[in-house]
PDB file of N, CA and C in Angstrom:
ATOM      1  N   UNK A   1      76.338 -18.682 111.450  1.00  0.00           N
ATOM      2  CA  UNK A   1      76.906 -17.403 110.885  1.00  0.00           C
ATOM      3  C   UNK A   1      75.898 -16.800 109.737  1.00  0.00           C
ATOM      4  N   UNK A   2      75.515 -17.704 108.996  1.00  0.00           N
ATOM      5  CA  UNK A   2      74.593 -17.574 107.934  1.00  0.00           C
ATOM      6  C   UNK A   2      73.442 -16.809 108.364  1.00  0.00           C
ATOM      7  N   UNK A   3      72.645 -17.150 109.744  1.00  0.00           N
ATOM      8  CA  UNK A   3      71.701 -16.609 110.109  1.00  0.00           C
ATOM      9  C   UNK A   3      71.964 -15.184 110.653  1.00  0.00           C
ATOM     10  N   UNK A   4      73.155 -14.872 110.958  1.00  0.00           N
ATOM     11  CA  UNK A   4      73.516 -13.491 111.286  1.00  0.00           C
ATOM     12  C   UNK A   4      73.593 -12.529 110.202  1.00  0.00           C
ATOM     13  N   UNK A   5      74.089 -13.047 108.889  1.00  0.00           N
ATOM     14  CA  UNK A   5      74.078 -12.558 107.587  1.00  0.00           C
ATOM     15  C   UNK A   5      72.509 -12.118 107.310  1.00  0.00           C
ATOM     16  N   UNK A   6      71.665 -13.254 107.450  1.00  0.00           N
ATOM     17  CA  UNK A   6      70.363 -12.912 107.205  1.00  0.00           C
ATOM     18  C   UNK A   6      69.781 -11.873 108.005  1.00  0.00           C
ATOM     19  N   UNK A   7      70.031 -12.069 109.196  1.00  0.00           N
ATOM     20  CA  UNK A   7      69.434 -10.933 110.331  1.00  0.00           C
ATOM     21  C   UNK A   7      69.897  -9.584 109.918  1.00  0.00           C
ATOM     22  N   UNK A   8      71.186  -9.384 109.628  1.00  0.00           N
ATOM     23  CA  UNK A   8      71.623  -8.106 109.260  1.00  0.00           C
ATOM     24  C   UNK A   8      70.915  -7.596 107.958  1.00  0.00           C
ATOM     25  N   UNK A   9      70.669  -8.491 106.993  1.00  0.00           N
ATOM     26  CA  UNK A   9      69.941  -8.126 105.749  1.00  0.00           C
ATOM     27  C   UNK A   9      68.707  -7.665 106.036  1.00  0.00           C
ATOM     28  N   UNK A  10      68.004  -8.407 106.823  1.00  0.00           N
ATOM     29  CA  UNK A  10      66.706  -8.108 107.394  1.00  0.00           C
ATOM     30  C   UNK A  10      66.606  -6.811 108.037  1.00  0.00           C
ATOM     31  N   UNK A  11      67.536  -6.567 108.826  1.00  0.00           N
ATOM     32  CA  UNK A  11      67.515  -5.168 109.456  1.00  0.00           C
ATOM     33  C   UNK A  11      67.854  -4.108 108.523  1.00  0.00           C
ATOM     34  N   UNK A  12      68.690  -4.386 107.741  1.00  0.00           N
ATOM     35  CA  UNK A  12      68.940  -3.290 106.591  1.00  0.00           C
ATOM     36  C   UNK A  12      67.583  -3.089 105.807  1.00  0.00           C
ATOM     37  N   UNK A  13      66.947  -4.172 105.391  1.00  0.00           N
ATOM     38  CA  UNK A  13      65.844  -4.007 104.553  1.00  0.00           C
ATOM     39  C   UNK A  13      64.673  -3.185 105.341  1.00  0.00           C
ATOM     40  N   UNK A  14      64.678  -3.536 106.636  1.00  0.00           N
ATOM     41  CA  UNK A  14      63.653  -2.807 107.647  1.00  0.00           C
ATOM     42  C   UNK A  14      63.844  -1.599 107.473  1.00  0.00           C
ATOM     43  N   UNK A  15      65.228  -1.057 107.690  1.00  0.00           N
ATOM     44  CA  UNK A  15      65.592   0.211 107.787  1.00  0.00           C
ATOM     45  C   UNK A  15      65.220   0.959 106.579  1.00  0.00           C
ATOM     46  N   UNK A  16      65.522   0.407 105.282  1.00  0.00           N
ATOM     47  CA  UNK A  16      65.166   0.927 104.121  1.00  0.00           C
ATOM     48  C   UNK A  16      63.782   1.188 103.902  1.00  0.00           C
ATOM     49  N   UNK A  17      62.947   0.168 104.210  1.00  0.00           N
ATOM     50  CA  UNK A  17      61.657   0.150 104.153  1.00  0.00           C
ATOM     51  C   UNK A  17      60.977   1.412 105.115  1.00  0.00           C
ATOM     52  N   UNK A  18      61.464   1.546 106.267  1.00  0.00           N
ATOM     53  CA  UNK A  18      60.792   2.474 106.938  1.00  0.00           C
ATOM     54  C   UNK A  18      61.298   3.961 106.593  1.00  0.00           C
ATOM     55  N   UNK A  19      62.464   3.996 106.183  1.00  0.00           N
ATOM     56  CA  UNK A  19      63.133   5.357 105.396  1.00  0.00           C
ATOM     57  C   UNK A  19      62.119   5.808 104.194  1.00  0.00           C
ATOM     58  N   UNK A  20      61.686   4.768 103.335  1.00  0.00           N
ATOM     59  CA  UNK A  20      60.924   5.045 102.269  1.00  0.00           C
ATOM     60  C   UNK A  20      59.526   5.403 102.750  1.00  0.00           C
ATOM     61  N   UNK A  21      58.928   4.813 103.646  1.00  0.00           N
ATOM     62  CA  UNK A  21      57.593   4.997 104.201  1.00  0.00           C
ATOM     63  C   UNK A  21      57.481   6.476 104.703  1.00  0.00           C
ATOM     64  N   UNK A  22      58.814   6.727 105.397  1.00  0.00           N
ATOM     65  CA  UNK A  22      58.701   8.127 105.957  1.00  0.00           C
ATOM     66  C   UNK A  22      58.773   9.261 104.785  1.00  0.00           C
ATOM     67  N   UNK A  23      59.447   8.947 103.706  1.00  0.00           N
ATOM     68  CA  UNK A  23      59.574   9.879 102.578  1.00  0.00           C
ATOM     69  C   UNK A  23      58.205   9.934 102.072  1.00  0.00           C
ATOM     70  N   UNK A  24      57.531   8.854 101.754  1.00  0.00           N
ATOM     71  CA  UNK A  24      56.374   8.980 101.110  1.00  0.00           C
ATOM     72  C   UNK A  24      55.169   9.567 102.018  1.00  0.00           C
ATOM     73  N   UNK A  25      55.206   9.326 103.180  1.00  0.00           N
ATOM     74  CA  UNK A  25      54.086   9.958 104.114  1.00  0.00           C
ATOM     75  C   UNK A  25      54.563  11.519 104.201  1.00  0.00           C
ATOM     76  N   UNK A  26      55.720  11.946 104.276  1.00  0.00           N
ATOM     77  CA  UNK A  26      55.914  13.377 104.151  1.00  0.00           C
ATOM     78  C   UNK A  26      55.560  13.904 102.948  1.00  0.00           C
ATOM     79  N   UNK A  27      55.842  13.295 101.849  1.00  0.00           N
ATOM     80  CA  UNK A  27      55.445  13.859 100.562  1.00  0.00           C
ATOM     81  C   UNK A  27      53.901  13.889 100.572  1.00  0.00           C
ATOM     82  N   UNK A  28      53.052  12.978 101.064  1.00  0.00           N
ATOM     83  CA  UNK A  28      51.695  12.849 101.109  1.00  0.00           C
ATOM     84  C   UNK A  28      51.228  14.253 101.902  1.00  0.00           C
ATOM     85  N   UNK A  29      51.839  14.287 102.931  1.00  0.00           N
ATOM     86  CA  UNK A  29      51.555  15.627 103.869  1.00  0.00           C
ATOM     87  C   UNK A  29      51.540  16.719 103.230  1.00  0.00           C
ATOM     88  N   UNK A  30      52.661  16.921 102.322  1.00  0.00           N
ATOM     89  CA  UNK A  30      53.015  17.879 101.490  1.00  0.00           C
ATOM     90  C   UNK A  30      52.099  18.397 100.428  1.00  0.00           C
ATOM     91  N   UNK A  31      51.576  17.165  99.919  1.00  0.00           N
ATOM     92  CA  UNK A  31      50.443  17.318  98.832  1.00  0.00           C
ATOM     93  C   UNK A  31      49.285  17.780  99.239  1.00  0.00           C
ATOM     94  N   UNK A  32      48.920  17.297 100.425  1.00  0.00           N
ATOM     95  CA  UNK A  32      47.743  17.690 101.170  1.00  0.00           C
ATOM     96  C   UNK A  32      47.703  19.247 101.550  1.00  0.00           C
ATOM     97  N   UNK A  33      48.864  19.686 101.930  1.00  0.00           N
ATOM     98  CA  UNK A  33      49.026  21.136 101.996  1.00  0.00           C
ATOM     99  C   UNK A  33      48.959  21.771 100.708  1.00  0.00           C
ATOM    100  N   UNK A  34      49.401  21.314  99.709  1.00  0.00           N
ATOM    101  CA  UNK A  34      49.529  21.985  98.557  1.00  0.00           C
ATOM    102  C   UNK A  34      48.156  22.057  97.993  1.00  0.00           C
ATOM    103  N   UNK A  35      47.374  21.057  98.134  1.00  0.00           N
ATOM    104  CA  UNK A  35      45.877  21.062  97.565  1.00  0.00           C
ATOM    105  C   UNK A  35      45.015  21.910  98.475  1.00  0.00           C
ATOM    106  N   UNK A  36      45.571  22.556  99.500  1.00  0.00           N
ATOM    107  CA  UNK A  36      44.670  23.601 100.305  1.00  0.00           C
ATOM    108  C   UNK A  36      45.054  24.829  99.904  1.00  0.00           C
ATOM    109  N   UNK A  37      46.069  25.035  98.979  1.00  0.00           N
ATOM    110  CA  UNK A  37      46.377  26.353  98.463  1.00  0.00           C
ATOM    111  C   UNK A  37      45.512  26.815  97.215  1.00  0.00           C
ATOM    112  N   UNK A  38      45.017  27.971  97.245  1.00  0.00           N
ATOM    113  CA  UNK A  38      44.160  28.489  96.340  1.00  0.00           C
ATOM    114  C   UNK A  38      44.587  28.302  94.729  1.00  0.00           C
ATOM    115  N   UNK A  39      46.096  28.678  94.843  1.00  0.00           N
ATOM    116  CA  UNK A  39      46.361  28.534  93.308  1.00  0.00           C
ATOM    117  C   UNK A  39      46.623  27.263  92.882  1.00  0.00           C
ATOM    118  N   UNK A  40      46.543  26.217  93.671  1.00  0.00           N
ATOM    119  CA  UNK A  40      46.594  24.701  93.388  1.00  0.00           C
ATOM    120  C   UNK A  40      45.384  24.300  93.261  1.00  0.00           C
ATOM    121  N   UNK A  41      44.253  24.482  94.299  1.00  0.00           N
ATOM    122  CA  UNK A  41      42.932  23.839  94.095  1.00  0.00           C
ATOM    123  C   UNK A  41      42.091  24.689  92.989  1.00  0.00           C
ATOM    124  N   UNK A  42      42.477  25.603  92.342  1.00  0.00           N
ATOM    125  CA  UNK A  42      41.696  26.150  91.545  1.00  0.00           C
ATOM    126  C   UNK A  42      42.458  25.895  89.931  1.00  0.00           C
ATOM    127  N   UNK A  43      43.529  25.032  90.175  1.00  0.00           N
ATOM    128  CA  UNK A  43      44.102  24.731  88.896  1.00  0.00           C
ATOM    129  C   UNK A  43      43.789  23.090  88.856  1.00  0.00           C
ATOM    130  N   UNK A  44      43.062  22.663  87.949  1.00  0.00           N
ATOM    131  CA  UNK A  44      42.559  21.329  87.793  1.00  0.00           C
ATOM    132  C   UNK A  44      43.725  20.372  87.219  1.00  0.00           C
ATOM    133  N   UNK A  45      44.581  20.980  86.410  1.00  0.00           N
ATOM    134  CA  UNK A  45      45.642  20.123  85.879  1.00  0.00           C
ATOM    135  C   UNK A  45      46.421  19.820  87.131  1.00  0.00           C
ATOM    136  N   UNK A  46      47.015  20.871  87.887  1.00  0.00           N
ATOM    137  CA  UNK A  46      47.900  20.707  89.008  1.00  0.00           C
ATOM    138  C   UNK A  46      47.076  19.710  89.965  1.00  0.00           C
ATOM    139  N   UNK A  47      45.967  19.830  90.256  1.00  0.00           N
ATOM    140  CA  UNK A  47      45.067  19.146  91.286  1.00  0.00           C
ATOM    141  C   UNK A  47      45.203  17.571  91.060  1.00  0.00           C
ATOM    142  N   UNK A  48      44.855  17.382  89.433  1.00  0.00           N
ATOM    143  CA  UNK A  48      45.090  15.933  88.900  1.00  0.00           C
ATOM    144  C   UNK A  48      46.296  15.475  89.196  1.00  0.00           C
ATOM    145  N   UNK A  49      47.237  16.118  88.839  1.00  0.00           N
ATOM    146  CA  UNK A  49      48.845  15.710  88.932  1.00  0.00           C
ATOM    147  C   UNK A  49      48.925  15.142  90.319  1.00  0.00           C
ATOM    148  N   UNK A  50      48.619  16.195  91.256  1.00  0.00           N
ATOM    149  CA  UNK A  50      48.799  15.870  92.906  1.00  0.00           C
ATOM    150  C   UNK A  50      48.073  14.662  93.310  1.00  0.00           C
ATOM    151  N   UNK A  51      46.855  14.530  92.711  1.00  0.00           N
ATOM    152  CA  UNK A  51      45.958  13.450  93.289  1.00  0.00           C
ATOM    153  C   UNK A  51      46.573  12.085  92.655  1.00  0.00           C
ATOM    154  N   UNK A  52      47.014  12.059  91.484  1.00  0.00           N
ATOM    155  CA  UNK A  52      47.716  11.106  90.730  1.00  0.00           C
ATOM    156  C   UNK A  52      48.762  10.317  91.676  1.00  0.00           C
ATOM    157  N   UNK A  53      49.714  11.465  91.830  1.00  0.00           N
ATOM    158  CA  UNK A  53      51.016  11.282  92.631  1.00  0.00           C
ATOM    159  C   UNK A  53      50.639  10.714  93.993  1.00  0.00           C
ATOM    160  N   UNK A  54      49.701  11.153  94.740  1.00  0.00           N
ATOM    161  CA  UNK A  54      49.406  10.895  96.042  1.00  0.00           C
ATOM    162  C   UNK A  54      48.806   9.183  96.058  1.00  0.00           C
ATOM    163  N   UNK A  55      47.969   9.035  95.036  1.00  0.00           N
ATOM    164  CA  UNK A  55      47.439   7.614  94.926  1.00  0.00           C
ATOM    165  C   UNK A  55      48.494   6.666  94.557  1.00  0.00           C
ATOM    166  N   UNK A  56      49.431   7.092  93.882  1.00  0.00           N
ATOM    167  CA  UNK A  56      50.539   6.386  93.490  1.00  0.00           C
ATOM    168  C   UNK A  56      51.264   5.969  94.867  1.00  0.00           C
ATOM    169  N   UNK A  57      51.574   6.930  95.611  1.00  0.00           N
ATOM    170  CA  UNK A  57      52.412   6.933  96.828  1.00  0.00           C
ATOM    171  C   UNK A  57      51.487   6.036  97.901  1.00  0.00           C
ATOM    172  N   UNK A  58      50.315   6.133  97.901  1.00  0.00           N
ATOM    173  CA  UNK A  58      49.528   5.409  98.717  1.00  0.00           C
ATOM    174  C   UNK A  58      49.549   3.810  98.423  1.00  0.00           C
ATOM    175  N   UNK A  59      49.421   3.505  97.085  1.00  0.00           N
ATOM    176  CA  UNK A  59      49.623   2.168  96.668  1.00  0.00           C
ATOM    177  C   UNK A  59      51.042   1.607  97.069  1.00  0.00           C
ATOM    178  N   UNK A  60      51.966   2.511  96.925  1.00  0.00           N
ATOM    179  CA  UNK A  60      53.361   2.093  97.326  1.00  0.00           C
ATOM    180  C   UNK A  60      53.443   1.919  98.909  1.00  0.00           C
ATOM    181  N   UNK A  61      52.794   2.747  99.433  1.00  0.00           N
ATOM    182  CA  UNK A  61      52.850   2.565 101.018  1.00  0.00           C
ATOM    183  C   UNK A  61      52.172   1.382 101.365  1.00  0.00           C
ATOM    184  N   UNK A  62      51.018   0.961 100.915  1.00  0.00           N
ATOM    185  CA  UNK A  62      50.402  -0.300 101.293  1.00  0.00           C
ATOM    186  C   UNK A  62      51.310  -1.455 101.079  1.00  0.00           C
ATOM    187  N   UNK A  63      52.112  -1.431  99.911  1.00  0.00           N
ATOM    188  CA  UNK A  63      53.086  -2.540  99.904  1.00  0.00           C
ATOM    189  C   UNK A  63      54.291  -2.571 100.975  1.00  0.00           C
ATOM    190  N   UNK A  64      54.727  -1.244 101.069  1.00  0.00           N
ATOM    191  CA  UNK A  64      55.654  -1.120 102.121  1.00  0.00           C
ATOM    192  C   UNK A  64      55.321  -1.535 103.544  1.00  0.00           C
ATOM    193  N   UNK A  65      54.004  -1.265 103.886  1.00  0.00           N
ATOM    194  CA  UNK A  65      53.390  -1.626 105.107  1.00  0.00           C
ATOM    195  C   UNK A  65      53.624  -3.028 105.466  1.00  0.00           C
ATOM    196  N   UNK A  66      53.091  -3.809 104.166  1.00  0.00           N
ATOM    197  CA  UNK A  66      53.105  -5.169 104.456  1.00  0.00           C
ATOM    198  C   UNK A  66      54.575  -5.877 104.393  1.00  0.00           C
ATOM    199  N   UNK A  67      55.485  -5.282 103.758  1.00  0.00           N
ATOM    200  CA  UNK A  67      56.891  -5.603 103.663  1.00  0.00           C
ATOM    201  C   UNK A  67      57.361  -5.447 105.074  1.00  0.00           C
ATOM    202  N   UNK A  68      57.033  -4.360 105.509  1.00  0.00           N
ATOM    203  CA  UNK A  68      57.565  -3.864 106.893  1.00  0.00           C
ATOM    204  C   UNK A  68      56.961  -4.910 108.089  1.00  0.00           C
ATOM    205  N   UNK A  69      55.922  -5.253 107.837  1.00  0.00           N
ATOM    206  CA  UNK A  69      55.207  -6.369 108.882  1.00  0.00           C
ATOM    207  C   UNK A  69      55.855  -7.528 108.769  1.00  0.00           C
ATOM    208  N   UNK A  70      56.214  -7.884 107.558  1.00  0.00           N
ATOM    209  CA  UNK A  70      57.075  -9.320 107.534  1.00  0.00           C
ATOM    210  C   UNK A  70      58.363  -9.185 108.078  1.00  0.00           C
ATOM    211  N   UNK A  71      59.103  -8.062 107.656  1.00  0.00           N
ATOM    212  CA  UNK A  71      60.440  -7.901 108.150  1.00  0.00           C
ATOM    213  C   UNK A  71      60.550  -7.805 109.785  1.00  0.00           C
ATOM    214  N   UNK A  72      59.562  -7.226 110.275  1.00  0.00           N
ATOM    215  CA  UNK A  72      59.516  -6.747 111.719  1.00  0.00           C
ATOM    216  C   UNK A  72      59.219  -7.796 112.610  1.00  0.00           C
ATOM    217  N   UNK A  73      58.824  -9.112 111.928  1.00  0.00           N
ATOM    218  CA  UNK A  73      58.327 -10.201 112.915  1.00  0.00           C
ATOM    219  C   UNK A  73      59.475 -10.632 113.646  1.00  0.00           C
TER     220      UNK A  73
END
């Protein structure tokens, strides 16, 4: 029975990990779109903010992909 609990926990973690990956990937797509807009790419402060956010998202995604691979085994 303990293995069932563990399996459910893993599936739950996997689902959460996948959801978070989806959120971050969607956001990064949005950031790419924003950075193509003139009012954004001509505004260096806004560009820096978005670039920083995207870099943070990508770092988190890297960790999430690793976690996902472990859980999906």
